[in-house]
Amino acid sequence: MNSLANLRDVAHRTPGLRPGILWRSDAPHVGDEVPTGHEPWPPSVVIDLRDDAERSHGHPLASLTTVVEVPVFADAAL
């Protein structure tokens, strides 16, 4: 089965956040099944937290939705 790993609603762990607004998962891949119960799909906005190396191939949903890049570890000395 080709599906998003760890797809879950952030509201389950964040008091005050309305359920169904913010979801988190790994990056989708070509051929992944559309997740059931997560309509509309694709989401209208994707927040891409991947680092530069991971983003070098672009985001799989970039042609379908708005992708906002937020490089969380950009200034980190890893």
Protein backbone atom coordinates (compact mmCIF):
# COMPACT_ATOMS: atom_id res chain seq x y z
CA MET A 1 0.00 0.00 0.00
CA ASN A 2 1.40 3.40 -0.99
CA SER A 3 0.29 5.93 1.59
CA LEU A 4 1.58 8.81 3.67
CA ALA A 5 3.47 7.70 6.76
CA ASN A 6 2.48 9.17 10.11
CA LEU A 7 -0.42 11.21 8.71
CA ARG A 8 -2.15 12.72 11.73
CA ASP A 9 -4.11 15.75 12.87
CA VAL A 10 -1.91 18.12 14.90
CA ALA A 11 -4.98 19.27 16.89
CA HIS A 12 -4.96 15.98 18.80
CA ARG A 13 -1.86 17.24 20.67
CA THR A 14 -2.38 21.02 20.47
CA PRO A 15 -5.02 22.59 22.73
CA GLY A 16 -6.94 25.36 21.02
CA LEU A 17 -6.29 24.18 17.46
CA ARG A 18 -9.45 23.21 15.59
CA PRO A 19 -9.37 19.61 14.31
CA GLY A 20 -9.03 19.15 10.56
CA ILE A 21 -6.98 22.31 9.96
CA LEU A 22 -3.32 21.23 10.34
CA TRP A 23 -2.08 17.77 9.41
CA ARG A 24 1.47 16.42 9.45
CA SER A 25 3.09 13.52 7.62
CA ASP A 26 6.09 12.57 5.58
CA ALA A 27 6.33 14.01 2.07
CA PRO A 28 3.95 12.42 -0.42
CA HIS A 29 5.39 10.43 -3.29
CA VAL A 30 4.19 9.89 -6.83
CA GLY A 31 1.81 6.95 -6.76
CA ASP A 32 0.67 7.41 -3.16
CA GLU A 33 -3.01 6.78 -2.64
CA VAL A 34 -5.21 9.75 -1.83
CA PRO A 35 -5.73 9.58 1.93
CA THR A 36 -9.35 8.88 2.80
CA GLY A 37 -11.02 11.28 5.21
CA HIS A 38 -8.63 14.12 4.37
CA GLU A 39 -10.66 16.06 1.84
CA PRO A 40 -9.98 18.23 0.05
CA TRP A 41 -6.90 16.59 -1.41
CA PRO A 42 -4.37 17.86 -2.14
CA PRO A 43 -4.37 20.44 0.65
CA SER A 44 -4.51 24.09 -0.40
CA VAL A 45 -1.17 24.84 1.34
CA VAL A 46 1.77 22.58 2.17
CA ILE A 47 4.41 23.73 4.66
CA ASP A 48 7.63 22.03 3.58
CA LEU A 49 9.99 21.57 6.57
CA ARG A 50 12.58 19.55 4.65
CA ASP A 51 16.21 20.69 4.45
CA ASP A 52 17.90 21.91 1.26
CA ALA A 53 19.13 18.46 0.24
CA GLU A 54 15.67 16.95 0.62
CA ARG A 55 14.06 19.82 -1.32
CA SER A 56 16.55 19.59 -4.19
CA HIS A 57 14.11 17.43 -6.17
CA GLY A 58 11.14 19.74 -5.58
CA HIS A 59 7.92 18.92 -3.80
CA PRO A 60 5.65 16.29 -5.37
CA LEU A 61 2.55 18.48 -4.90
CA ALA A 62 4.13 21.73 -6.17
CA SER A 63 2.14 21.69 -9.41
CA LEU A 64 -1.13 21.12 -7.54
CA THR A 65 -0.94 23.36 -4.46
CA THR A 66 0.94 26.19 -2.78
CA VAL A 67 4.16 24.97 -1.17
CA VAL A 68 5.72 27.21 1.50
CA GLU A 69 9.31 26.30 2.35
CA VAL A 70 10.24 26.74 6.01
CA PRO A 71 13.80 25.44 6.41
CA VAL A 72 13.68 24.56 10.10
CA PHE A 73 17.33 23.50 10.27
CA ALA A 74 18.74 26.14 7.90
CA ASP A 75 20.93 27.78 10.53
CA ALA A 76 21.56 24.70 12.64
CA ALA A 77 25.06 23.33 13.05
CA LEU A 78 24.25 19.66 12.66
